[in-house]
Amino acid sequence: MSDQINFQALQGWYEQVLTAAKPHLTPENIKSLAAKATKTALDFAKEHPYRASFMVVSAGLTPILGSGWMAAPFLKLIGFTPLGPAAGGLAAWYQSTFLGGYIPAGSLFAAAQKAAMG
């Protein structure tokens, strides 16, 4: 079981989606899609003002503080700490069950630990 992201497959998928979408991206369609997206966003903001406010603030702070500020509470909850996986936590269980002492560089587990370490 590998946690690594296959970037070549991901890029291939992205190129397939882009190739399929290109014929449909006419100026008229883009204008219509933008209008629908705007209406959907405004409707969501009216129905969920607090959630929408949090999303706007998060989007504004993420480029300044980095994406880790939002992930830190979740990572701590599942057992990732600045000193490594917490004993008895989900992260420690996963590591001992599936990874043992070897954490592959670039794996999702390594990325989560790196984010928890700051």
PDB file of N, CA and C in Angstrom:
ATOM      1  N   MET A   1       0.857  -1.187   0.000  1.00  0.00           N
ATOM      2  CA  MET A   1       0.000   0.000   0.000  1.00  0.00           C
ATOM      3  C   MET A   1       0.897   1.243   0.000  1.00  0.00           C
ATOM      4  N   SER A   2       0.755   2.084  -0.989  1.00  0.00           N
ATOM      5  CA  SER A   2       1.625   3.243  -1.116  1.00  0.00           C
ATOM      6  C   SER A   2       0.843   4.531  -0.905  1.00  0.00           C
ATOM      7  N   ASP A   3       1.452   5.444  -0.168  1.00  0.00           N
ATOM      8  CA  ASP A   3       0.836   6.744   0.065  1.00  0.00           C
ATOM      9  C   ASP A   3       1.265   7.762  -0.983  1.00  0.00           C
ATOM     10  N   GLN A   4       2.198   7.393  -1.845  1.00  0.00           N
ATOM     11  CA  GLN A   4       2.759   8.365  -2.761  1.00  0.00           C
ATOM     12  C   GLN A   4       1.765   8.761  -3.836  1.00  0.00           C
ATOM     13  N   ILE A   5       1.834  10.013  -4.211  1.00  0.00           N
ATOM     14  CA  ILE A   5       0.970  10.545  -5.258  1.00  0.00           C
ATOM     15  C   ILE A   5       1.651  10.289  -6.596  1.00  0.00           C
ATOM     16  N   ASN A   6       0.935   9.737  -7.534  1.00  0.00           N
ATOM     17  CA  ASN A   6       1.473   9.490  -8.861  1.00  0.00           C
ATOM     18  C   ASN A   6       1.216  10.747  -9.697  1.00  0.00           C
ATOM     19  N   PHE A   7       2.211  11.636  -9.725  1.00  0.00           N
ATOM     20  CA  PHE A   7       2.038  12.923 -10.395  1.00  0.00           C
ATOM     21  C   PHE A   7       1.908  12.764 -11.903  1.00  0.00           C
ATOM     22  N   GLN A   8       2.535  11.738 -12.478  1.00  0.00           N
ATOM     23  CA  GLN A   8       2.406  11.538 -13.921  1.00  0.00           C
ATOM     24  C   GLN A   8       0.975  11.153 -14.276  1.00  0.00           C
ATOM     25  N   ALA A   9       0.383  10.258 -13.489  1.00  0.00           N
ATOM     26  CA  ALA A   9      -1.007   9.874 -13.742  1.00  0.00           C
ATOM     27  C   ALA A   9      -1.936  11.053 -13.521  1.00  0.00           C
ATOM     28  N   LEU A  10      -1.657  11.846 -12.491  1.00  0.00           N
ATOM     29  CA  LEU A  10      -2.475  13.018 -12.203  1.00  0.00           C
ATOM     30  C   LEU A  10      -2.395  14.020 -13.346  1.00  0.00           C
ATOM     31  N   GLN A  11      -1.192  14.236 -13.877  1.00  0.00           N
ATOM     32  CA  GLN A  11      -1.042  15.164 -14.989  1.00  0.00           C
ATOM     33  C   GLN A  11      -1.734  14.621 -16.231  1.00  0.00           C
ATOM     34  N   GLY A  12      -1.653  13.316 -16.454  1.00  0.00           N
ATOM     35  CA  GLY A  12      -2.343  12.713 -17.593  1.00  0.00           C
ATOM     36  C   GLY A  12      -3.849  12.895 -17.492  1.00  0.00           C
ATOM     37  N   TRP A  13      -4.376  12.699 -16.286  1.00  0.00           N
ATOM     38  CA  TRP A  13      -5.812  12.898 -16.055  1.00  0.00           C
ATOM     39  C   TRP A  13      -6.188  14.351 -16.309  1.00  0.00           C
ATOM     40  N   TYR A  14      -5.372  15.285 -15.802  1.00  0.00           N
ATOM     41  CA  TYR A  14      -5.634  16.706 -15.985  1.00  0.00           C
ATOM     42  C   TYR A  14      -5.655  17.059 -17.469  1.00  0.00           C
ATOM     43  N   GLU A  15      -4.695  16.532 -18.225  1.00  0.00           N
ATOM     44  CA  GLU A  15      -4.636  16.827 -19.660  1.00  0.00           C
ATOM     45  C   GLU A  15      -5.850  16.257 -20.387  1.00  0.00           C
ATOM     46  N   GLN A  16      -6.329  15.074 -19.992  1.00  0.00           N
ATOM     47  CA  GLN A  16      -7.518  14.496 -20.609  1.00  0.00           C
ATOM     48  C   GLN A  16      -8.748  15.363 -20.344  1.00  0.00           C
ATOM     49  N   VAL A  17      -8.889  15.840 -19.098  1.00  0.00           N
ATOM     50  CA  VAL A  17     -10.026  16.695 -18.755  1.00  0.00           C
ATOM     51  C   VAL A  17      -9.954  17.998 -19.536  1.00  0.00           C
ATOM     52  N   LEU A  18      -8.770  18.590 -19.596  1.00  0.00           N
ATOM     53  CA  LEU A  18      -8.604  19.851 -20.311  1.00  0.00           C
ATOM     54  C   LEU A  18      -8.895  19.685 -21.801  1.00  0.00           C
ATOM     55  N   THR A  19      -8.409  18.598 -22.394  1.00  0.00           N
ATOM     56  CA  THR A  19      -8.655  18.329 -23.817  1.00  0.00           C
ATOM     57  C   THR A  19     -10.148  18.158 -24.091  1.00  0.00           C
ATOM     58  N   ALA A  20     -10.838  17.450 -23.195  1.00  0.00           N
ATOM     59  CA  ALA A  20     -12.277  17.249 -23.372  1.00  0.00           C
ATOM     60  C   ALA A  20     -13.059  18.538 -23.172  1.00  0.00           C
ATOM     61  N   ALA A  21     -12.586  19.411 -22.304  1.00  0.00           N
ATOM     62  CA  ALA A  21     -13.319  20.640 -21.992  1.00  0.00           C
ATOM     63  C   ALA A  21     -13.088  21.752 -23.012  1.00  0.00           C
ATOM     64  N   LYS A  22     -11.934  21.763 -23.677  1.00  0.00           N
ATOM     65  CA  LYS A  22     -11.573  22.870 -24.573  1.00  0.00           C
ATOM     66  C   LYS A  22     -12.651  23.217 -25.604  1.00  0.00           C
ATOM     67  N   PRO A  23     -13.233  22.256 -26.304  1.00  0.00           N
ATOM     68  CA  PRO A  23     -14.240  22.631 -27.309  1.00  0.00           C
ATOM     69  C   PRO A  23     -15.464  23.327 -26.719  1.00  0.00           C
ATOM     70  N   HIS A  24     -15.705  23.111 -25.447  1.00  0.00           N
ATOM     71  CA  HIS A  24     -16.883  23.681 -24.796  1.00  0.00           C
ATOM     72  C   HIS A  24     -16.603  25.039 -24.151  1.00  0.00           C
ATOM     73  N   LEU A  25     -15.348  25.446 -24.145  1.00  0.00           N
ATOM     74  CA  LEU A  25     -14.988  26.710 -23.488  1.00  0.00           C
ATOM     75  C   LEU A  25     -15.029  27.864 -24.487  1.00  0.00           C
ATOM     76  N   THR A  26     -16.220  28.152 -24.955  1.00  0.00           N
ATOM     77  CA  THR A  26     -16.421  29.289 -25.844  1.00  0.00           C
ATOM     78  C   THR A  26     -16.697  30.522 -24.978  1.00  0.00           C
ATOM     79  N   PRO A  27     -16.534  31.722 -25.512  1.00  0.00           N
ATOM     80  CA  PRO A  27     -16.820  32.922 -24.716  1.00  0.00           C
ATOM     81  C   PRO A  27     -18.234  32.934 -24.132  1.00  0.00           C
ATOM     82  N   GLU A  28     -19.212  32.456 -24.901  1.00  0.00           N
ATOM     83  CA  GLU A  28     -20.595  32.438 -24.410  1.00  0.00           C
ATOM     84  C   GLU A  28     -20.736  31.472 -23.233  1.00  0.00           C
ATOM     85  N   ASN A  29     -20.139  30.276 -23.373  1.00  0.00           N
ATOM     86  CA  ASN A  29     -20.215  29.288 -22.297  1.00  0.00           C
ATOM     87  C   ASN A  29     -19.494  29.767 -21.039  1.00  0.00           C
ATOM     88  N   ILE A  30     -18.346  30.392 -21.222  1.00  0.00           N
ATOM     89  CA  ILE A  30     -17.578  30.884 -20.070  1.00  0.00           C
ATOM     90  C   ILE A  30     -18.374  31.944 -19.328  1.00  0.00           C
ATOM     91  N   LYS A  31     -19.030  32.848 -20.081  1.00  0.00           N
ATOM     92  CA  LYS A  31     -19.842  33.889 -19.450  1.00  0.00           C
ATOM     93  C   LYS A  31     -21.010  33.269 -18.689  1.00  0.00           C
ATOM     94  N   SER A  32     -21.642  32.264 -19.281  1.00  0.00           N
ATOM     95  CA  SER A  32     -22.764  31.584 -18.633  1.00  0.00           C
ATOM     96  C   SER A  32     -22.296  30.846 -17.372  1.00  0.00           C
ATOM     97  N   LEU A  33     -21.170  30.154 -17.467  1.00  0.00           N
ATOM     98  CA  LEU A  33     -20.634  29.437 -16.302  1.00  0.00           C
ATOM     99  C   LEU A  33     -20.271  30.406 -15.176  1.00  0.00           C
ATOM    100  N   ALA A  34     -19.671  31.535 -15.537  1.00  0.00           N
ATOM    101  CA  ALA A  34     -19.311  32.528 -14.518  1.00  0.00           C
ATOM    102  C   ALA A  34     -20.551  33.081 -13.824  1.00  0.00           C
ATOM    103  N   ALA A  35     -21.607  33.326 -14.598  1.00  0.00           N
ATOM    104  CA  ALA A  35     -22.858  33.828 -14.014  1.00  0.00           C
ATOM    105  C   ALA A  35     -23.471  32.790 -13.079  1.00  0.00           C
ATOM    106  N   LYS A  36     -23.463  31.510 -13.490  1.00  0.00           N
ATOM    107  CA  LYS A  36     -24.006  30.444 -12.634  1.00  0.00           C
ATOM    108  C   LYS A  36     -23.183  30.280 -11.363  1.00  0.00           C
ATOM    109  N   ALA A  37     -21.858  30.345 -11.506  1.00  0.00           N
ATOM    110  CA  ALA A  37     -20.992  30.203 -10.331  1.00  0.00           C
ATOM    111  C   ALA A  37     -21.201  31.350  -9.358  1.00  0.00           C
ATOM    112  N   THR A  38     -21.349  32.558  -9.875  1.00  0.00           N
ATOM    113  CA  THR A  38     -21.590  33.717  -9.017  1.00  0.00           C
ATOM    114  C   THR A  38     -22.909  33.584  -8.285  1.00  0.00           C
ATOM    115  N   LYS A  39     -23.956  33.181  -9.007  1.00  0.00           N
ATOM    116  CA  LYS A  39     -25.270  33.004  -8.376  1.00  0.00           C
ATOM    117  C   LYS A  39     -25.210  31.920  -7.306  1.00  0.00           C
ATOM    118  N   THR A  40     -24.542  30.823  -7.595  1.00  0.00           N
ATOM    119  CA  THR A  40     -24.420  29.735  -6.625  1.00  0.00           C
ATOM    120  C   THR A  40     -23.686  30.206  -5.376  1.00  0.00           C
ATOM    121  N   ALA A  41     -22.600  30.954  -5.561  1.00  0.00           N
ATOM    122  CA  ALA A  41     -21.834  31.458  -4.421  1.00  0.00           C
ATOM    123  C   ALA A  41     -22.661  32.433  -3.586  1.00  0.00           C
ATOM    124  N   LEU A  42     -23.394  33.309  -4.229  1.00  0.00           N
ATOM    125  CA  LEU A  42     -24.228  34.269  -3.496  1.00  0.00           C
ATOM    126  C   LEU A  42     -25.364  33.571  -2.757  1.00  0.00           C
ATOM    127  N   ASP A  43     -25.976  32.572  -3.402  1.00  0.00           N
ATOM    128  CA  ASP A  43     -27.031  31.801  -2.729  1.00  0.00           C
ATOM    129  C   ASP A  43     -26.478  31.079  -1.501  1.00  0.00           C
ATOM    130  N   PHE A  44     -25.297  30.500  -1.644  1.00  0.00           N
ATOM    131  CA  PHE A  44     -24.661  29.812  -0.514  1.00  0.00           C
ATOM    132  C   PHE A  44     -24.388  30.799   0.617  1.00  0.00           C
ATOM    133  N   ALA A  45     -23.879  31.984   0.278  1.00  0.00           N
ATOM    134  CA  ALA A  45     -23.566  32.995   1.295  1.00  0.00           C
ATOM    135  C   ALA A  45     -24.830  33.459   2.024  1.00  0.00           C
ATOM    136  N   LYS A  46     -25.948  33.551   1.315  1.00  0.00           N
ATOM    137  CA  LYS A  46     -27.208  33.941   1.958  1.00  0.00           C
ATOM    138  C   LYS A  46     -27.718  32.853   2.898  1.00  0.00           C
ATOM    139  N   GLU A  47     -27.572  31.590   2.487  1.00  0.00           N
ATOM    140  CA  GLU A  47     -28.060  30.475   3.295  1.00  0.00           C
ATOM    141  C   GLU A  47     -27.126  30.146   4.466  1.00  0.00           C
ATOM    142  N   HIS A  48     -25.819  30.372   4.281  1.00  0.00           N
ATOM    143  CA  HIS A  48     -24.816  30.006   5.293  1.00  0.00           C
ATOM    144  C   HIS A  48     -23.833  31.165   5.498  1.00  0.00           C
ATOM    145  N   PRO A  49     -24.283  32.262   6.105  1.00  0.00           N
ATOM    146  CA  PRO A  49     -23.408  33.444   6.197  1.00  0.00           C
ATOM    147  C   PRO A  49     -22.132  33.201   7.007  1.00  0.00           C
ATOM    148  N   TYR A  50     -22.199  32.431   8.085  1.00  0.00           N
ATOM    149  CA  TYR A  50     -21.000  32.216   8.901  1.00  0.00           C
ATOM    150  C   TYR A  50     -19.990  31.332   8.187  1.00  0.00           C
ATOM    151  N   ARG A  51     -20.475  30.268   7.553  1.00  0.00           N
ATOM    152  CA  ARG A  51     -19.574  29.395   6.808  1.00  0.00           C
ATOM    153  C   ARG A  51     -18.938  30.136   5.640  1.00  0.00           C
ATOM    154  N   ALA A  52     -19.724  30.945   4.963  1.00  0.00           N
ATOM    155  CA  ALA A  52     -19.199  31.711   3.835  1.00  0.00           C
ATOM    156  C   ALA A  52     -18.148  32.713   4.304  1.00  0.00           C
ATOM    157  N   SER A  53     -18.402  33.346   5.440  1.00  0.00           N
ATOM    158  CA  SER A  53     -17.429  34.294   5.986  1.00  0.00           C
ATOM    159  C   SER A  53     -16.127  33.591   6.328  1.00  0.00           C
ATOM    160  N   PHE A  54     -16.236  32.419   6.962  1.00  0.00           N
ATOM    161  CA  PHE A  54     -15.034  31.660   7.307  1.00  0.00           C
ATOM    162  C   PHE A  54     -14.255  31.278   6.053  1.00  0.00           C
ATOM    163  N   MET A  55     -14.966  30.887   4.995  1.00  0.00           N
ATOM    164  CA  MET A  55     -14.305  30.499   3.756  1.00  0.00           C
ATOM    165  C   MET A  55     -13.560  31.683   3.130  1.00  0.00           C
ATOM    166  N   VAL A  56     -14.168  32.858   3.168  1.00  0.00           N
ATOM    167  CA  VAL A  56     -13.522  34.043   2.601  1.00  0.00           C
ATOM    168  C   VAL A  56     -12.283  34.413   3.417  1.00  0.00           C
ATOM    169  N   VAL A  57     -12.409  34.394   4.746  1.00  0.00           N
ATOM    170  CA  VAL A  57     -11.265  34.718   5.608  1.00  0.00           C
ATOM    171  C   VAL A  57     -10.158  33.690   5.406  1.00  0.00           C
ATOM    172  N   SER A  58     -10.522  32.411   5.330  1.00  0.00           N
ATOM    173  CA  SER A  58      -9.535  31.351   5.125  1.00  0.00           C
ATOM    174  C   SER A  58      -8.796  31.539   3.807  1.00  0.00           C
ATOM    175  N   ALA A  59      -9.545  31.844   2.766  1.00  0.00           N
ATOM    176  CA  ALA A  59      -8.929  32.045   1.454  1.00  0.00           C
ATOM    177  C   ALA A  59      -7.978  33.237   1.477  1.00  0.00           C
ATOM    178  N   GLY A  60      -8.309  34.248   2.258  1.00  0.00           N
ATOM    179  CA  GLY A  60      -7.441  35.420   2.360  1.00  0.00           C
ATOM    180  C   GLY A  60      -6.206  35.170   3.202  1.00  0.00           C
ATOM    181  N   LEU A  61      -6.334  34.362   4.257  1.00  0.00           N
ATOM    182  CA  LEU A  61      -5.199  34.124   5.151  1.00  0.00           C
ATOM    183  C   LEU A  61      -4.247  33.042   4.657  1.00  0.00           C
ATOM    184  N   THR A  62      -4.741  32.115   3.873  1.00  0.00           N
ATOM    185  CA  THR A  62      -3.900  30.995   3.447  1.00  0.00           C
ATOM    186  C   THR A  62      -2.655  31.437   2.678  1.00  0.00           C
ATOM    187  N   PRO A  63      -2.743  32.383   1.732  1.00  0.00           N
ATOM    188  CA  PRO A  63      -1.501  32.805   1.067  1.00  0.00           C
ATOM    189  C   PRO A  63      -0.514  33.488   2.022  1.00  0.00           C
ATOM    190  N   ILE A  64      -1.020  34.092   3.076  1.00  0.00           N
ATOM    191  CA  ILE A  64      -0.157  34.797   4.021  1.00  0.00           C
ATOM    192  C   ILE A  64       0.462  33.822   5.026  1.00  0.00           C
ATOM    193  N   LEU A  65      -0.358  32.950   5.595  1.00  0.00           N
ATOM    194  CA  LEU A  65       0.104  32.052   6.657  1.00  0.00           C
ATOM    195  C   LEU A  65       0.503  30.670   6.155  1.00  0.00           C
ATOM    196  N   GLY A  66       0.175  30.339   4.930  1.00  0.00           N
ATOM    197  CA  GLY A  66       0.434  29.003   4.414  1.00  0.00           C
ATOM    198  C   GLY A  66      -0.745  28.098   4.729  1.00  0.00           C
ATOM    199  N   SER A  67      -0.831  26.983   4.050  1.00  0.00           N
ATOM    200  CA  SER A  67      -1.986  26.105   4.221  1.00  0.00           C
ATOM    201  C   SER A  67      -1.952  25.331   5.524  1.00  0.00           C
ATOM    202  N   GLY A  68      -0.808  25.232   6.179  1.00  0.00           N
ATOM    203  CA  GLY A  68      -0.695  24.452   7.405  1.00  0.00           C
ATOM    204  C   GLY A  68      -1.525  24.982   8.558  1.00  0.00           C
ATOM    205  N   TRP A  69      -1.818  26.270   8.574  1.00  0.00           N
ATOM    206  CA  TRP A  69      -2.571  26.838   9.709  1.00  0.00           C
ATOM    207  C   TRP A  69      -3.961  26.242   9.808  1.00  0.00           C
ATOM    208  N   MET A  70      -4.547  25.862   8.672  1.00  0.00           N
ATOM    209  CA  MET A  70      -5.878  25.256   8.707  1.00  0.00           C
ATOM    210  C   MET A  70      -5.791  23.769   9.022  1.00  0.00           C
ATOM    211  N   ALA A  71      -4.717  23.113   8.585  1.00  0.00           N
ATOM    212  CA  ALA A  71      -4.583  21.677   8.765  1.00  0.00           C
ATOM    213  C   ALA A  71      -4.113  21.308  10.163  1.00  0.00           C
ATOM    214  N   ALA A  72      -3.436  22.218  10.847  1.00  0.00           N
ATOM    215  CA  ALA A  72      -2.820  21.895  12.143  1.00  0.00           C
ATOM    216  C   ALA A  72      -3.803  21.294  13.158  1.00  0.00           C
ATOM    217  N   PRO A  73      -4.980  21.863  13.369  1.00  0.00           N
ATOM    218  CA  PRO A  73      -5.892  21.257  14.347  1.00  0.00           C
ATOM    219  C   PRO A  73      -6.319  19.839  13.962  1.00  0.00           C
ATOM    220  N   PHE A  74      -6.546  19.600  12.685  1.00  0.00           N
ATOM    221  CA  PHE A  74      -6.931  18.265  12.232  1.00  0.00           C
ATOM    222  C   PHE A  74      -5.774  17.293  12.416  1.00  0.00           C
ATOM    223  N   LEU A  75      -4.565  17.729  12.046  1.00  0.00           N
ATOM    224  CA  LEU A  75      -3.401  16.852  12.187  1.00  0.00           C
ATOM    225  C   LEU A  75      -3.171  16.480  13.646  1.00  0.00           C
ATOM    226  N   LYS A  76      -3.345  17.444  14.534  1.00  0.00           N
ATOM    227  CA  LYS A  76      -3.183  17.164  15.967  1.00  0.00           C
ATOM    228  C   LYS A  76      -4.249  16.167  16.432  1.00  0.00           C
ATOM    229  N   LEU A  77      -5.454  16.325  15.925  1.00  0.00           N
ATOM    230  CA  LEU A  77      -6.553  15.448  16.310  1.00  0.00           C
ATOM    231  C   LEU A  77      -6.269  13.991  15.946  1.00  0.00           C
ATOM    232  N   ILE A  78      -5.628  13.768  14.799  1.00  0.00           N
ATOM    233  CA  ILE A  78      -5.361  12.389  14.388  1.00  0.00           C
ATOM    234  C   ILE A  78      -3.988  11.893  14.840  1.00  0.00           C
ATOM    235  N   GLY A  79      -3.261  12.707  15.610  1.00  0.00           N
ATOM    236  CA  GLY A  79      -2.059  12.211  16.254  1.00  0.00           C
ATOM    237  C   GLY A  79      -0.732  12.683  15.718  1.00  0.00           C
ATOM    238  N   PHE A  80      -0.714  13.641  14.812  1.00  0.00           N
ATOM    239  CA  PHE A  80       0.554  14.204  14.347  1.00  0.00           C
ATOM    240  C   PHE A  80       0.911  15.381  15.251  1.00  0.00           C
ATOM    241  N   THR A  81       2.124  15.370  15.797  1.00  0.00           N
ATOM    242  CA  THR A  81       2.567  16.451  16.678  1.00  0.00           C
ATOM    243  C   THR A  81       3.893  16.998  16.161  1.00  0.00           C
ATOM    244  N   PRO A  82       4.340  18.139  16.668  1.00  0.00           N
ATOM    245  CA  PRO A  82       5.632  18.682  16.241  1.00  0.00           C
ATOM    246  C   PRO A  82       6.817  17.752  16.537  1.00  0.00           C
ATOM    247  N   LEU A  83       6.647  16.815  17.471  1.00  0.00           N
ATOM    248  CA  LEU A  83       7.732  15.900  17.825  1.00  0.00           C
ATOM    249  C   LEU A  83       7.598  14.528  17.171  1.00  0.00           C
ATOM    250  N   GLY A  84       6.572  14.322  16.365  1.00  0.00           N
ATOM    251  CA  GLY A  84       6.340  13.036  15.733  1.00  0.00           C
ATOM    252  C   GLY A  84       4.955  12.518  16.092  1.00  0.00           C
ATOM    253  N   PRO A  85       4.603  11.352  15.593  1.00  0.00           N
ATOM    254  CA  PRO A  85       3.283  10.791  15.901  1.00  0.00           C
ATOM    255  C   PRO A  85       3.121  10.559  17.410  1.00  0.00           C
ATOM    256  N   ALA A  86       1.988  10.964  17.942  1.00  0.00           N
ATOM    257  CA  ALA A  86       1.707  10.793  19.372  1.00  0.00           C
ATOM    258  C   ALA A  86       1.378   9.333  19.656  1.00  0.00           C
ATOM    259  N   ALA A  87       1.957   8.807  20.727  1.00  0.00           N
ATOM    260  CA  ALA A  87       1.692   7.427  21.129  1.00  0.00           C
ATOM    261  C   ALA A  87       0.199   7.235  21.344  1.00  0.00           C
ATOM    262  N   GLY A  88      -0.348   6.167  20.778  1.00  0.00           N
ATOM    263  CA  GLY A  88      -1.766   5.870  20.942  1.00  0.00           C
ATOM    264  C   GLY A  88      -2.664   6.581  19.947  1.00  0.00           C
ATOM    265  N   GLY A  89      -2.109   7.450  19.136  1.00  0.00           N
ATOM    266  CA  GLY A  89      -2.917   8.186  18.160  1.00  0.00           C
ATOM    267  C   GLY A  89      -3.107   7.411  16.870  1.00  0.00           C
ATOM    268  N   LEU A  90      -3.996   7.911  16.047  1.00  0.00           N
ATOM    269  CA  LEU A  90      -4.282   7.284  14.763  1.00  0.00           C
ATOM    270  C   LEU A  90      -3.033   7.258  13.878  1.00  0.00           C
ATOM    271  N   ALA A  91      -2.252   8.325  13.909  1.00  0.00           N
ATOM    272  CA  ALA A  91      -1.032   8.384  13.095  1.00  0.00           C
ATOM    273  C   ALA A  91      -0.044   7.298  13.522  1.00  0.00           C
ATOM    274  N   ALA A  92       0.129   7.115  14.822  1.00  0.00           N
ATOM    275  CA  ALA A  92       1.052   6.090  15.326  1.00  0.00           C
ATOM    276  C   ALA A  92       0.552   4.697  14.954  1.00  0.00           C
ATOM    277  N   TRP A  93      -0.749   4.479  15.066  1.00  0.00           N
ATOM    278  CA  TRP A  93      -1.322   3.190  14.685  1.00  0.00           C
ATOM    279  C   TRP A  93      -1.070   2.911  13.209  1.00  0.00           C
ATOM    280  N   TYR A  94      -1.332   3.914  12.358  1.00  0.00           N
ATOM    281  CA  TYR A  94      -1.135   3.745  10.921  1.00  0.00           C
ATOM    282  C   TYR A  94       0.325   3.438  10.620  1.00  0.00           C
ATOM    283  N   GLN A  95       1.227   4.192  11.256  1.00  0.00           N
ATOM    284  CA  GLN A  95       2.650   3.989  11.009  1.00  0.00           C
ATOM    285  C   GLN A  95       3.069   2.578  11.421  1.00  0.00           C
ATOM    286  N   SER A  96       2.683   2.153  12.603  1.00  0.00           N
ATOM    287  CA  SER A  96       3.106   0.830  13.074  1.00  0.00           C
ATOM    288  C   SER A  96       2.454  -0.298  12.279  1.00  0.00           C
ATOM    289  N   THR A  97       1.230  -0.090  11.826  1.00  0.00           N
ATOM    290  CA  THR A  97       0.517  -1.142  11.104  1.00  0.00           C
ATOM    291  C   THR A  97       0.945  -1.255   9.647  1.00  0.00           C
ATOM    292  N   PHE A  98       1.117  -0.130   8.973  1.00  0.00           N
ATOM    293  CA  PHE A  98       1.352  -0.160   7.537  1.00  0.00           C
ATOM    294  C   PHE A  98       2.757   0.238   7.101  1.00  0.00           C
ATOM    295  N   LEU A  99       3.434   1.052   7.887  1.00  0.00           N
ATOM    296  CA  LEU A  99       4.719   1.590   7.441  1.00  0.00           C
ATOM    297  C   LEU A  99       5.921   1.074   8.220  1.00  0.00           C
ATOM    298  N   GLY A 100       5.716   0.686   9.450  1.00  0.00           N
ATOM    299  CA  GLY A 100       6.839   0.268  10.279  1.00  0.00           C
ATOM    300  C   GLY A 100       7.776   1.440  10.517  1.00  0.00           C
ATOM    301  N   GLY A 101       9.054   1.205  10.478  1.00  0.00           N
ATOM    302  CA  GLY A 101      10.029   2.273  10.707  1.00  0.00           C
ATOM    303  C   GLY A 101      10.366   3.059   9.457  1.00  0.00           C
ATOM    304  N   TYR A 102       9.850   2.638   8.294  1.00  0.00           N
ATOM    305  CA  TYR A 102      10.202   3.288   7.035  1.00  0.00           C
ATOM    306  C   TYR A 102       9.082   4.203   6.577  1.00  0.00           C
ATOM    307  N   ILE A 103       9.376   5.479   6.496  1.00  0.00           N
ATOM    308  CA  ILE A 103       8.413   6.459   5.988  1.00  0.00           C
ATOM    309  C   ILE A 103       8.951   6.940   4.641  1.00  0.00           C
ATOM    310  N   PRO A 104       8.308   6.571   3.546  1.00  0.00           N
ATOM    311  CA  PRO A 104       8.805   6.978   2.232  1.00  0.00           C
ATOM    312  C   PRO A 104       8.781   8.506   2.065  1.00  0.00           C
ATOM    313  N   ALA A 105       9.886   9.039   1.581  1.00  0.00           N
ATOM    314  CA  ALA A 105       9.944  10.477   1.304  1.00  0.00           C
ATOM    315  C   ALA A 105       8.885  10.819   0.268  1.00  0.00           C
ATOM    316  N   GLY A 106       8.178  11.911   0.485  1.00  0.00           N
ATOM    317  CA  GLY A 106       7.150  12.349  -0.453  1.00  0.00           C
ATOM    318  C   GLY A 106       5.802  11.684  -0.251  1.00  0.00           C
ATOM    319  N   SER A 107       5.700  10.784   0.727  1.00  0.00           N
ATOM    320  CA  SER A 107       4.421  10.120   0.974  1.00  0.00           C
ATOM    321  C   SER A 107       3.465  11.074   1.683  1.00  0.00           C
ATOM    322  N   LEU A 108       2.180  10.738   1.686  1.00  0.00           N
ATOM    323  CA  LEU A 108       1.207  11.568   2.386  1.00  0.00           C
ATOM    324  C   LEU A 108       1.496  11.598   3.870  1.00  0.00           C
ATOM    325  N   PHE A 109       1.952  10.474   4.422  1.00  0.00           N
ATOM    326  CA  PHE A 109       2.285  10.416   5.852  1.00  0.00           C
ATOM    327  C   PHE A 109       3.425  11.401   6.154  1.00  0.00           C
ATOM    328  N   ALA A 110       4.460  11.387   5.306  1.00  0.00           N
ATOM    329  CA  ALA A 110       5.586  12.302   5.501  1.00  0.00           C
ATOM    330  C   ALA A 110       5.140  13.758   5.369  1.00  0.00           C
ATOM    331  N   ALA A 111       4.261  14.026   4.409  1.00  0.00           N
ATOM    332  CA  ALA A 111       3.766  15.392   4.220  1.00  0.00           C
ATOM    333  C   ALA A 111       2.962  15.851   5.427  1.00  0.00           C
ATOM    334  N   ALA A 112       2.129  14.948   5.976  1.00  0.00           N
ATOM    335  CA  ALA A 112       1.325  15.292   7.158  1.00  0.00           C
ATOM    336  C   ALA A 112       2.232  15.570   8.356  1.00  0.00           C
ATOM    337  N   GLN A 113       3.263  14.753   8.532  1.00  0.00           N
ATOM    338  CA  GLN A 113       4.175  14.971   9.647  1.00  0.00           C
ATOM    339  C   GLN A 113       4.943  16.279   9.469  1.00  0.00           C
ATOM    340  N   LYS A 114       5.367  16.556   8.257  1.00  0.00           N
ATOM    341  CA  LYS A 114       6.088  17.803   7.974  1.00  0.00           C
ATOM    342  C   LYS A 114       5.192  19.011   8.291  1.00  0.00           C
ATOM    343  N   ALA A 115       3.920  18.939   7.894  1.00  0.00           N
ATOM    344  CA  ALA A 115       2.983  20.036   8.167  1.00  0.00           C
ATOM    345  C   ALA A 115       2.767  20.199   9.670  1.00  0.00           C
ATOM    346  N   ALA A 116       2.702  19.078  10.403  1.00  0.00           N
ATOM    347  CA  ALA A 116       2.511  19.165  11.852  1.00  0.00           C
ATOM    348  C   ALA A 116       3.726  19.755  12.553  1.00  0.00           C
ATOM    349  N   MET A 117       4.906  19.547  11.975  1.00  0.00           N
ATOM    350  CA  MET A 117       6.128  20.074  12.574  1.00  0.00           C
ATOM    351  C   MET A 117       6.308  21.566  12.293  1.00  0.00           C
ATOM    352  N   GLY A 118       5.520  22.072  11.360  1.00  0.00           N
ATOM    353  CA  GLY A 118       5.574  23.508  11.094  1.00  0.00           C
ATOM    354  C   GLY A 118       6.528  23.906  10.105  1.00  0.00           C
TER     355      GLY A 118
END
